[in-house]
PDB file of all heavy atoms in Angstrom:
ATOM      1  N   ALA A   1      -2.287 -11.723 -12.530  1.00  0.00           N
ATOM      2  CA  ALA A   1      -1.382 -11.787 -11.382  1.00  0.00           C
ATOM      3  C   ALA A   1      -2.092 -11.343 -10.108  1.00  0.00           C
ATOM      4  O   ALA A   1      -3.076 -10.597 -10.132  1.00  0.00           O
ATOM      5  CB  ALA A   1      -0.163 -10.912 -11.617  1.00  0.00           C
ATOM      6  N   ARG A   2      -1.567 -11.774  -8.998  1.00  0.00           N
ATOM      7  CA  ARG A   2      -1.939 -11.234  -7.702  1.00  0.00           C
ATOM      8  C   ARG A   2      -1.033 -10.037  -7.443  1.00  0.00           C
ATOM      9  O   ARG A   2       0.188 -10.138  -7.548  1.00  0.00           O
ATOM     10  CB  ARG A   2      -1.746 -12.283  -6.610  1.00  0.00           C
ATOM     11  CG  ARG A   2      -2.114 -11.780  -5.215  1.00  0.00           C
ATOM     12  CD  ARG A   2      -1.759 -12.787  -4.147  1.00  0.00           C
ATOM     13  NE  ARG A   2      -2.097 -12.265  -2.817  1.00  0.00           N
ATOM     14  CZ  ARG A   2      -1.699 -12.811  -1.683  1.00  0.00           C
ATOM     15  NH1 ARG A   2      -0.936 -13.898  -1.701  1.00  0.00           N
ATOM     16  NH2 ARG A   2      -2.049 -12.278  -0.524  1.00  0.00           N
ATOM     17  N   VAL A   3      -1.618  -8.888  -7.116  1.00  0.00           N
ATOM     18  CA  VAL A   3      -0.852  -7.649  -7.004  1.00  0.00           C
ATOM     19  C   VAL A   3      -1.128  -6.978  -5.662  1.00  0.00           C
ATOM     20  O   VAL A   3      -2.280  -6.757  -5.288  1.00  0.00           O
ATOM     21  CB  VAL A   3      -1.203  -6.672  -8.141  1.00  0.00           C
ATOM     22  CG1 VAL A   3      -0.360  -5.393  -8.018  1.00  0.00           C
ATOM     23  CG2 VAL A   3      -0.988  -7.327  -9.506  1.00  0.00           C
ATOM     24  N   LEU A   4      -0.051  -6.643  -4.955  1.00  0.00           N
ATOM     25  CA  LEU A   4      -0.115  -5.887  -3.706  1.00  0.00           C
ATOM     26  C   LEU A   4       0.622  -4.582  -3.911  1.00  0.00           C
ATOM     27  O   LEU A   4       1.783  -4.585  -4.332  1.00  0.00           O
ATOM     28  CB  LEU A   4       0.529  -6.680  -2.569  1.00  0.00           C
ATOM     29  CG  LEU A   4       0.696  -5.965  -1.223  1.00  0.00           C
ATOM     30  CD1 LEU A   4      -0.663  -5.634  -0.604  1.00  0.00           C
ATOM     31  CD2 LEU A   4       1.519  -6.818  -0.258  1.00  0.00           C
ATOM     32  N   VAL A   5      -0.045  -3.454  -3.655  1.00  0.00           N
ATOM     33  CA  VAL A   5       0.597  -2.154  -3.807  1.00  0.00           C
ATOM     34  C   VAL A   5       0.652  -1.454  -2.460  1.00  0.00           C
ATOM     35  O   VAL A   5      -0.191  -1.677  -1.588  1.00  0.00           O
ATOM     36  CB  VAL A   5      -0.131  -1.258  -4.837  1.00  0.00           C
ATOM     37  CG1 VAL A   5      -0.229  -1.955  -6.179  1.00  0.00           C
ATOM     38  CG2 VAL A   5      -1.513  -0.835  -4.346  1.00  0.00           C
ATOM     39  N   THR A   6       1.653  -0.591  -2.309  1.00  0.00           N
ATOM     40  CA  THR A   6       1.805   0.175  -1.080  1.00  0.00           C
ATOM     41  C   THR A   6       1.673   1.661  -1.380  1.00  0.00           C
ATOM     42  O   THR A   6       1.843   2.112  -2.517  1.00  0.00           O
ATOM     43  CB  THR A   6       3.166  -0.075  -0.404  1.00  0.00           C
ATOM     44  OG1 THR A   6       4.176   0.698  -1.075  1.00  0.00           O
ATOM     45  CG2 THR A   6       3.536  -1.544  -0.445  1.00  0.00           C
ATOM     46  N   GLY A   7       1.414   2.426  -0.334  1.00  0.00           N
ATOM     47  CA  GLY A   7       1.354   3.869  -0.449  1.00  0.00           C
ATOM     48  C   GLY A   7       1.115   4.469   0.915  1.00  0.00           C
ATOM     49  O   GLY A   7       0.840   3.767   1.886  1.00  0.00           O
ATOM     50  N   ARG A   8       1.209   5.800   0.986  1.00  0.00           N
ATOM     51  CA  ARG A   8       0.985   6.492   2.252  1.00  0.00           C
ATOM     52  C   ARG A   8      -0.430   7.047   2.366  1.00  0.00           C
ATOM     53  O   ARG A   8      -0.911   7.288   3.461  1.00  0.00           O
ATOM     54  CB  ARG A   8       2.000   7.625   2.412  1.00  0.00           C
ATOM     55  CG  ARG A   8       3.429   7.140   2.581  1.00  0.00           C
ATOM     56  CD  ARG A   8       4.399   8.283   2.760  1.00  0.00           C
ATOM     57  NE  ARG A   8       4.498   9.113   1.562  1.00  0.00           N
ATOM     58  CZ  ARG A   8       5.277  10.173   1.443  1.00  0.00           C
ATOM     59  NH1 ARG A   8       6.027  10.555   2.461  1.00  0.00           N
ATOM     60  NH2 ARG A   8       5.313  10.874   0.323  1.00  0.00           N
ATOM     61  N   SER A   9      -1.088   7.263   1.218  1.00  0.00           N
ATOM     62  CA  SER A   9      -2.414   7.876   1.204  1.00  0.00           C
ATOM     63  C   SER A   9      -3.498   6.806   1.222  1.00  0.00           C
ATOM     64  O   SER A   9      -3.621   6.018   0.274  1.00  0.00           O
ATOM     65  CB  SER A   9      -2.576   8.755  -0.041  1.00  0.00           C
ATOM     66  OG  SER A   9      -3.922   9.124  -0.230  1.00  0.00           O
ATOM     67  N   THR A  10      -4.303   6.801   2.278  1.00  0.00           N
ATOM     68  CA  THR A  10      -5.383   5.825   2.350  1.00  0.00           C
ATOM     69  C   THR A  10      -6.421   6.078   1.258  1.00  0.00           C
ATOM     70  O   THR A  10      -7.022   5.134   0.741  1.00  0.00           O
ATOM     71  CB  THR A  10      -6.054   5.870   3.734  1.00  0.00           C
ATOM     72  OG1 THR A  10      -6.484   7.207   4.015  1.00  0.00           O
ATOM     73  CG2 THR A  10      -5.081   5.409   4.814  1.00  0.00           C
ATOM     74  N   ALA A  11      -6.630   7.341   0.889  1.00  0.00           N
ATOM     75  CA  ALA A  11      -7.605   7.649  -0.156  1.00  0.00           C
ATOM     76  C   ALA A  11      -7.153   7.090  -1.501  1.00  0.00           C
ATOM     77  O   ALA A  11      -7.944   6.474  -2.229  1.00  0.00           O
ATOM     78  CB  ALA A  11      -7.802   9.163  -0.242  1.00  0.00           C
ATOM     79  N   SER A  12      -5.884   7.302  -1.843  1.00  0.00           N
ATOM     80  CA  SER A  12      -5.369   6.777  -3.113  1.00  0.00           C
ATOM     81  C   SER A  12      -5.365   5.253  -3.119  1.00  0.00           C
ATOM     82  O   SER A  12      -5.681   4.622  -4.128  1.00  0.00           O
ATOM     83  CB  SER A  12      -3.946   7.298  -3.367  1.00  0.00           C
ATOM     84  OG  SER A  12      -3.949   8.697  -3.539  1.00  0.00           O
ATOM     85  N   LEU A  13      -5.036   4.657  -1.974  1.00  0.00           N
ATOM     86  CA  LEU A  13      -5.041   3.198  -1.884  1.00  0.00           C
ATOM     87  C   LEU A  13      -6.453   2.648  -2.027  1.00  0.00           C
ATOM     88  O   LEU A  13      -6.649   1.585  -2.628  1.00  0.00           O
ATOM     89  CB  LEU A  13      -4.418   2.750  -0.565  1.00  0.00           C
ATOM     90  CG  LEU A  13      -2.898   2.889  -0.455  1.00  0.00           C
ATOM     91  CD1 LEU A  13      -2.442   2.573   0.964  1.00  0.00           C
ATOM     92  CD2 LEU A  13      -2.182   1.985  -1.459  1.00  0.00           C
ATOM     93  N   ALA A  14      -7.429   3.356  -1.494  1.00  0.00           N
ATOM     94  CA  ALA A  14      -8.818   2.909  -1.627  1.00  0.00           C
ATOM     95  C   ALA A  14      -9.234   2.894  -3.095  1.00  0.00           C
ATOM     96  O   ALA A  14      -9.943   1.980  -3.544  1.00  0.00           O
ATOM     97  CB  ALA A  14      -9.742   3.809  -0.812  1.00  0.00           C
ATOM     98  N   GLN A  15      -8.802   3.883  -3.854  1.00  0.00           N
ATOM     99  CA  GLN A  15      -9.112   3.916  -5.279  1.00  0.00           C
ATOM    100  C   GLN A  15      -8.430   2.763  -6.006  1.00  0.00           C
ATOM    101  O   GLN A  15      -9.016   2.145  -6.904  1.00  0.00           O
ATOM    102  CB  GLN A  15      -8.681   5.250  -5.879  1.00  0.00           C
ATOM    103  CG  GLN A  15      -9.475   6.440  -5.356  1.00  0.00           C
ATOM    104  CD  GLN A  15      -8.965   7.769  -5.896  1.00  0.00           C
ATOM    105  OE1 GLN A  15      -7.994   7.816  -6.662  1.00  0.00           O
ATOM    106  NE2 GLN A  15      -9.594   8.856  -5.483  1.00  0.00           N
ATOM    107  N   ALA A  16      -7.202   2.467  -5.607  1.00  0.00           N
ATOM    108  CA  ALA A  16      -6.495   1.333  -6.222  1.00  0.00           C
ATOM    109  C   ALA A  16      -7.170   0.022  -5.860  1.00  0.00           C
ATOM    110  O   ALA A  16      -7.309  -0.879  -6.699  1.00  0.00           O
ATOM    111  CB  ALA A  16      -5.033   1.327  -5.761  1.00  0.00           C
ATOM    112  N   ALA A  17      -7.612  -0.097  -4.606  1.00  0.00           N
ATOM    113  CA  ALA A  17      -8.279  -1.321  -4.157  1.00  0.00           C
ATOM    114  C   ALA A  17      -9.563  -1.566  -4.939  1.00  0.00           C
ATOM    115  O   ALA A  17      -9.943  -2.711  -5.197  1.00  0.00           O
ATOM    116  CB  ALA A  17      -8.565  -1.243  -2.663  1.00  0.00           C
ATOM    117  N   ALA A  18     -10.226  -0.484  -5.322  1.00  0.00           N
ATOM    118  CA  ALA A  18     -11.464  -0.618  -6.086  1.00  0.00           C
ATOM    119  C   ALA A  18     -11.219  -1.262  -7.447  1.00  0.00           C
ATOM    120  O   ALA A  18     -12.141  -1.797  -8.063  1.00  0.00           O
ATOM    121  CB  ALA A  18     -12.117   0.755  -6.260  1.00  0.00           C
ATOM    122  N   ARG A  19      -9.981  -1.212  -7.903  1.00  0.00           N
ATOM    123  CA  ARG A  19      -9.627  -1.836  -9.180  1.00  0.00           C
ATOM    124  C   ARG A  19      -9.297  -3.318  -9.016  1.00  0.00           C
ATOM    125  O   ARG A  19      -9.080  -4.011 -10.001  1.00  0.00           O
ATOM    126  CB  ARG A  19      -8.432  -1.118  -9.812  1.00  0.00           C
ATOM    127  CG  ARG A  19      -8.690   0.350 -10.126  1.00  0.00           C
ATOM    128  CD  ARG A  19      -7.421   1.015 -10.643  1.00  0.00           C
ATOM    129  NE  ARG A  19      -7.597   2.423 -10.929  1.00  0.00           N
ATOM    130  CZ  ARG A  19      -7.991   2.907 -12.106  1.00  0.00           C
ATOM    131  NH1 ARG A  19      -8.253   2.073 -13.100  1.00  0.00           N
ATOM    132  NH2 ARG A  19      -8.120   4.204 -12.283  1.00  0.00           N
ATOM    133  N   GLY A  20      -9.199  -3.798  -7.762  1.00  0.00           N
ATOM    134  CA  GLY A  20      -8.980  -5.214  -7.532  1.00  0.00           C
ATOM    135  C   GLY A  20      -7.630  -5.584  -6.981  1.00  0.00           C
ATOM    136  O   GLY A  20      -7.364  -6.762  -6.739  1.00  0.00           O
ATOM    137  N   VAL A  21      -6.749  -4.586  -6.754  1.00  0.00           N
ATOM    138  CA  VAL A  21      -5.440  -4.916  -6.192  1.00  0.00           C
ATOM    139  C   VAL A  21      -5.534  -4.953  -4.676  1.00  0.00           C
ATOM    140  O   VAL A  21      -6.430  -4.355  -4.069  1.00  0.00           O
ATOM    141  CB  VAL A  21      -4.360  -3.897  -6.614  1.00  0.00           C
ATOM    142  CG1 VAL A  21      -4.215  -3.856  -8.123  1.00  0.00           C
ATOM    143  CG2 VAL A  21      -4.658  -2.520  -6.049  1.00  0.00           C
ATOM    144  N   GLU A  22      -4.620  -5.656  -4.048  1.00  0.00           N
ATOM    145  CA  GLU A  22      -4.492  -5.625  -2.600  1.00  0.00           C
ATOM    146  C   GLU A  22      -3.657  -4.410  -2.227  1.00  0.00           C
ATOM    147  O   GLU A  22      -2.781  -3.988  -2.985  1.00  0.00           O
ATOM    148  CB  GLU A  22      -3.827  -6.904  -2.095  1.00  0.00           C
ATOM    149  CG  GLU A  22      -4.585  -8.172  -2.445  1.00  0.00           C
ATOM    150  CD  GLU A  22      -3.828  -9.419  -2.044  1.00  0.00           C
ATOM    151  OE1 GLU A  22      -3.262  -9.443  -0.931  1.00  0.00           O
ATOM    152  OE2 GLU A  22      -3.788 -10.366  -2.847  1.00  0.00           O
ATOM    153  N   THR A  23      -3.929  -3.830  -1.071  1.00  0.00           N
ATOM    154  CA  THR A  23      -3.221  -2.620  -0.679  1.00  0.00           C
ATOM    155  C   THR A  23      -2.751  -2.711   0.758  1.00  0.00           C
ATOM    156  O   THR A  23      -3.326  -3.426   1.572  1.00  0.00           O
ATOM    157  CB  THR A  23      -4.129  -1.377  -0.826  1.00  0.00           C
ATOM    158  OG1 THR A  23      -5.225  -1.478   0.091  1.00  0.00           O
ATOM    159  CG2 THR A  23      -4.661  -1.244  -2.242  1.00  0.00           C
ATOM    160  N   VAL A  24      -1.698  -1.947   1.051  1.00  0.00           N
ATOM    161  CA  VAL A  24      -1.194  -1.851   2.421  1.00  0.00           C
ATOM    162  C   VAL A  24      -0.600  -0.457   2.610  1.00  0.00           C
ATOM    163  O   VAL A  24       0.122   0.039   1.743  1.00  0.00           O
ATOM    164  CB  VAL A  24      -0.158  -2.958   2.725  1.00  0.00           C
ATOM    165  CG1 VAL A  24       1.023  -2.882   1.775  1.00  0.00           C
ATOM    166  CG2 VAL A  24       0.306  -2.876   4.167  1.00  0.00           C
ATOM    167  N   VAL A  25      -0.952   0.172   3.705  1.00  0.00           N
ATOM    168  CA  VAL A  25      -0.401   1.486   4.030  1.00  0.00           C
ATOM    169  C   VAL A  25       1.039   1.304   4.495  1.00  0.00           C
ATOM    170  O   VAL A  25       1.304   0.541   5.434  1.00  0.00           O
ATOM    171  CB  VAL A  25      -1.226   2.181   5.130  1.00  0.00           C
ATOM    172  CG1 VAL A  25      -0.578   3.513   5.514  1.00  0.00           C
ATOM    173  CG2 VAL A  25      -2.662   2.398   4.665  1.00  0.00           C
ATOM    174  N   SER A  26       1.968   1.983   3.836  1.00  0.00           N
ATOM    175  CA  SER A  26       3.382   1.834   4.177  1.00  0.00           C
ATOM    176  C   SER A  26       4.149   3.061   3.716  1.00  0.00           C
ATOM    177  O   SER A  26       3.925   3.556   2.602  1.00  0.00           O
ATOM    178  CB  SER A  26       3.961   0.574   3.510  1.00  0.00           C
ATOM    179  OG  SER A  26       5.341   0.429   3.801  1.00  0.00           O
ATOM    180  N   ASP A  27       5.038   3.541   4.544  1.00  0.00           N
ATOM    181  CA  ASP A  27       5.900   4.677   4.216  1.00  0.00           C
ATOM    182  C   ASP A  27       7.297   4.145   3.927  1.00  0.00           C
ATOM    183  O   ASP A  27       8.027   3.757   4.847  1.00  0.00           O
ATOM    184  CB  ASP A  27       5.931   5.659   5.389  1.00  0.00           C
ATOM    185  CG  ASP A  27       6.824   6.862   5.119  1.00  0.00           C
ATOM    186  OD1 ASP A  27       7.425   6.939   4.024  1.00  0.00           O
ATOM    187  OD2 ASP A  27       6.933   7.728   6.014  1.00  0.00           O
ATOM    188  N   ILE A  28       7.662   4.097   2.661  1.00  0.00           N
ATOM    189  CA  ILE A  28       8.938   3.507   2.274  1.00  0.00           C
ATOM    190  C   ILE A  28      10.113   4.304   2.823  1.00  0.00           C
ATOM    191  O   ILE A  28      11.240   3.796   2.921  1.00  0.00           O
ATOM    192  CB  ILE A  28       9.041   3.393   0.734  1.00  0.00           C
ATOM    193  CG1 ILE A  28      10.133   2.397   0.337  1.00  0.00           C
ATOM    194  CG2 ILE A  28       9.291   4.748   0.102  1.00  0.00           C
ATOM    195  CD1 ILE A  28       9.844   0.985   0.726  1.00  0.00           C
ATOM    196  N   GLY A  29       9.871   5.544   3.246  1.00  0.00           N
ATOM    197  CA  GLY A  29      10.953   6.355   3.809  1.00  0.00           C
ATOM    198  C   GLY A  29      11.210   6.110   5.280  1.00  0.00           C
ATOM    199  O   GLY A  29      12.124   6.710   5.849  1.00  0.00           O
ATOM    200  N   ASP A  30      10.440   5.222   5.901  1.00  0.00           N
ATOM    201  CA  ASP A  30      10.571   4.947   7.326  1.00  0.00           C
ATOM    202  C   ASP A  30      11.046   3.511   7.537  1.00  0.00           C
ATOM    203  O   ASP A  30      10.433   2.564   7.048  1.00  0.00           O
ATOM    204  CB  ASP A  30       9.222   5.163   8.017  1.00  0.00           C
ATOM    205  CG  ASP A  30       9.273   4.853   9.497  1.00  0.00           C
ATOM    206  OD1 ASP A  30       9.824   5.666  10.252  1.00  0.00           O
ATOM    207  OD2 ASP A  30       8.765   3.781   9.903  1.00  0.00           O
ATOM    208  N   ALA A  31      12.132   3.331   8.272  1.00  0.00           N
ATOM    209  CA  ALA A  31      12.732   2.002   8.436  1.00  0.00           C
ATOM    210  C   ALA A  31      11.779   1.025   9.117  1.00  0.00           C
ATOM    211  O   ALA A  31      11.657  -0.139   8.703  1.00  0.00           O
ATOM    212  CB  ALA A  31      14.034   2.105   9.228  1.00  0.00           C
ATOM    213  N   ALA A  32      11.106   1.477  10.173  1.00  0.00           N
ATOM    214  CA  ALA A  32      10.181   0.587  10.875  1.00  0.00           C
ATOM    215  C   ALA A  32       9.031   0.160   9.972  1.00  0.00           C
ATOM    216  O   ALA A  32       8.577  -0.989  10.022  1.00  0.00           O
ATOM    217  CB  ALA A  32       9.652   1.278  12.129  1.00  0.00           C
ATOM    218  N   SER A  33       8.571   1.075   9.140  1.00  0.00           N
ATOM    219  CA  SER A  33       7.492   0.748   8.207  1.00  0.00           C
ATOM    220  C   SER A  33       7.959  -0.263   7.168  1.00  0.00           C
ATOM    221  O   SER A  33       7.212  -1.167   6.774  1.00  0.00           O
ATOM    222  CB  SER A  33       6.988   2.025   7.529  1.00  0.00           C
ATOM    223  OG  SER A  33       5.847   1.762   6.732  1.00  0.00           O
ATOM    224  N   ARG A  34       9.198  -0.134   6.717  1.00  0.00           N
ATOM    225  CA  ARG A  34       9.747  -1.105   5.759  1.00  0.00           C
ATOM    226  C   ARG A  34       9.833  -2.489   6.393  1.00  0.00           C
ATOM    227  O   ARG A  34       9.523  -3.502   5.747  1.00  0.00           O
ATOM    228  CB  ARG A  34      11.124  -0.648   5.278  1.00  0.00           C
ATOM    229  CG  ARG A  34      11.107   0.614   4.455  1.00  0.00           C
ATOM    230  CD  ARG A  34      12.449   0.883   3.802  1.00  0.00           C
ATOM    231  NE  ARG A  34      13.537   1.173   4.710  1.00  0.00           N
ATOM    232  CZ  ARG A  34      13.921   2.393   5.066  1.00  0.00           C
ATOM    233  NH1 ARG A  34      13.279   3.458   4.617  1.00  0.00           N
ATOM    234  NH2 ARG A  34      14.965   2.578   5.869  1.00  0.00           N
ATOM    235  N   GLU A  35      10.264  -2.540   7.636  1.00  0.00           N
ATOM    236  CA  GLU A  35      10.368  -3.828   8.317  1.00  0.00           C
ATOM    237  C   GLU A  35       8.996  -4.469   8.499  1.00  0.00           C
ATOM    238  O   GLU A  35       8.826  -5.685   8.305  1.00  0.00           O
ATOM    239  CB  GLU A  35      11.070  -3.638   9.659  1.00  0.00           C
ATOM    240  CG  GLU A  35      12.548  -3.291   9.509  1.00  0.00           C
ATOM    241  CD  GLU A  35      13.195  -2.859  10.810  1.00  0.00           C
ATOM    242  OE1 GLU A  35      12.468  -2.770  11.824  1.00  0.00           O
ATOM    243  OE2 GLU A  35      14.422  -2.617  10.808  1.00  0.00           O
ATOM    244  N   ALA A  36       7.998  -3.653   8.827  1.00  0.00           N
ATOM    245  CA  ALA A  36       6.645  -4.179   8.968  1.00  0.00           C
ATOM    246  C   ALA A  36       6.106  -4.663   7.625  1.00  0.00           C
ATOM    247  O   ALA A  36       5.415  -5.693   7.542  1.00  0.00           O
ATOM    248  CB  ALA A  36       5.734  -3.099   9.553  1.00  0.00           C
ATOM    249  N   LEU A  37       6.417  -3.928   6.552  1.00  0.00           N
ATOM    250  CA  LEU A  37       5.972  -4.338   5.217  1.00  0.00           C
ATOM    251  C   LEU A  37       6.581  -5.677   4.826  1.00  0.00           C
ATOM    252  O   LEU A  37       5.893  -6.563   4.316  1.00  0.00           O
ATOM    253  CB  LEU A  37       6.353  -3.269   4.190  1.00  0.00           C
ATOM    254  CG  LEU A  37       6.083  -3.624   2.722  1.00  0.00           C
ATOM    255  CD1 LEU A  37       4.603  -3.873   2.471  1.00  0.00           C
ATOM    256  CD2 LEU A  37       6.621  -2.514   1.807  1.00  0.00           C
TER     257      LEU A  37
END
């Protein structure tokens, strides 16, 4: 599958990206961030 994951920590996302997933910095607790996502 093609997989996109979100998170607030750029360091944790970088580790996930190293596994081959796509990543995007996003704060699910923020309305504007949800709209941008």
